[in-house]
Amino acid sequence: MAYELEALGTEVVGPVGSVADALRLVDAEQAIDRAFLDINLGGERVYPVADLLIARGTRIVFTTGYDDSAIPSRYADVPRCGKPVTRSMLRRMLEGA
């Protein structure tokens, strides 16, 4: 996914494979415009990272194979890319996010 985002002209920070690493990355990178977050990072849910980014005003997109019923309702307005994620899906999310 990082390769596809770079091919679309974005600067990619990451990826990371755990919630702890993602929180450290967000803390270190103050200028994150958008974040594509897999809901499941190494068996942990990414919601603490999503909450931090949302609080900072960062636009997020969930990339997930989970259906809507598995995602807490407080994230109902977060756009989603279902897996497998394609370049065209990422482009749409970049244009709309």
Protein backbone atom coordinates (compact mmCIF):
# COMPACT_ATOMS: atom_id res chain seq x y z
CA MET A 1 0.00 0.00 0.00
CA ALA A 2 2.89 2.38 0.75
CA TYR A 3 4.24 1.78 -2.76
CA GLU A 4 0.84 2.51 -4.30
CA LEU A 5 0.45 5.72 -2.30
CA GLU A 6 3.92 6.87 -3.35
CA ALA A 7 3.03 6.11 -6.96
CA LEU A 8 0.07 8.46 -6.51
CA GLY A 9 2.46 11.23 -5.46
CA THR A 10 2.09 11.15 -1.71
CA GLU A 11 4.87 11.23 0.85
CA VAL A 12 4.51 8.13 2.99
CA VAL A 13 5.47 7.97 6.66
CA GLY A 14 5.52 4.39 7.86
CA PRO A 15 4.25 1.76 7.65
CA VAL A 16 4.35 0.39 11.16
CA GLY A 17 3.15 -2.94 12.47
CA SER A 18 1.95 -2.22 15.99
CA VAL A 19 -0.22 0.26 17.85
CA ALA A 20 2.75 1.29 20.04
CA ASP A 21 4.90 2.00 16.97
CA ALA A 22 2.04 3.91 15.33
CA LEU A 23 1.56 6.07 18.43
CA ARG A 24 5.29 6.84 18.49
CA LEU A 25 5.21 7.71 14.80
CA VAL A 26 2.23 10.03 15.22
CA ASP A 27 3.95 11.69 18.16
CA ALA A 28 7.13 12.23 16.13
CA GLU A 29 5.41 13.41 12.92
CA GLN A 30 3.35 16.50 13.61
CA ALA A 31 2.48 17.23 9.96
CA ILE A 32 0.42 14.20 8.97
CA ASP A 33 -2.28 15.22 6.47
CA ARG A 34 -3.95 11.84 6.09
CA ALA A 35 -3.59 8.42 7.60
CA PHE A 36 -4.58 5.06 6.18
CA LEU A 37 -5.04 2.76 9.15
CA ASP A 38 -5.47 -0.98 9.16
CA ILE A 39 -7.84 -1.69 12.04
CA ASN A 40 -5.92 -4.78 13.15
CA LEU A 41 -2.23 -4.21 13.84
CA GLY A 42 -0.61 -7.36 15.15
CA GLY A 43 -3.76 -8.44 16.96
CA GLU A 44 -4.41 -4.99 18.46
CA ARG A 45 -7.10 -2.57 17.35
CA VAL A 46 -5.80 0.72 15.97
CA TYR A 47 -8.46 2.86 17.69
CA PRO A 48 -6.08 4.68 20.08
CA VAL A 49 -4.11 5.85 17.04
CA ALA A 50 -7.30 6.85 15.23
CA ASP A 51 -8.47 8.82 18.27
CA LEU A 52 -5.15 10.68 18.51
CA LEU A 53 -5.16 11.55 14.81
CA ILE A 54 -8.79 12.65 14.86
CA ALA A 55 -8.09 14.87 17.87
CA ARG A 56 -5.28 16.49 15.87
CA GLY A 57 -7.58 17.09 12.92
CA THR A 58 -5.90 14.51 10.68
CA ARG A 59 -8.14 12.90 8.09
CA ILE A 60 -8.11 9.12 8.44
CA VAL A 61 -9.24 6.20 6.33
CA PHE A 62 -9.66 2.68 7.68
CA THR A 63 -8.32 -0.09 5.46
CA THR A 64 -10.01 -3.22 6.64
CA GLY A 65 -11.67 -6.48 5.85
CA TYR A 66 -14.08 -5.97 8.76
CA ASP A 67 -17.69 -5.12 8.03
CA ASP A 68 -19.39 -2.07 9.52
CA SER A 69 -20.87 -4.03 12.43
CA ALA A 70 -17.38 -4.83 13.76
CA ILE A 71 -16.33 -1.16 13.89
CA PRO A 72 -17.45 0.99 16.84
CA SER A 73 -20.21 3.44 15.92
CA ARG A 74 -18.09 6.43 16.95
CA TYR A 75 -16.15 5.84 13.71
CA ALA A 76 -19.24 5.78 11.49
CA ASP A 77 -18.02 8.85 9.59
CA VAL A 78 -14.53 7.47 8.90
CA PRO A 79 -14.17 6.43 5.25
CA ARG A 80 -13.23 2.81 4.61
CA CYS A 81 -11.27 0.94 1.95
CA GLY A 82 -12.15 -2.72 1.91
CA LYS A 83 -9.36 -5.21 1.38
CA PRO A 84 -7.77 -5.90 -0.95
CA VAL A 85 -6.95 -2.22 -1.39
CA THR A 86 -6.27 -1.13 -4.97
CA ARG A 87 -4.58 1.95 -6.37
CA SER A 88 -7.90 3.24 -7.68
CA MET A 89 -9.43 2.90 -4.21
CA LEU A 90 -6.53 4.82 -2.69
CA ARG A 91 -6.87 7.52 -5.34
CA ARG A 92 -10.57 7.93 -4.55
CA MET A 93 -9.81 8.17 -0.84
CA LEU A 94 -7.07 10.74 -1.44
CA GLU A 95 -9.36 12.84 -3.62
CA GLY A 96 -12.27 12.59 -1.21
CA ALA A 97 -10.51 12.54 2.15
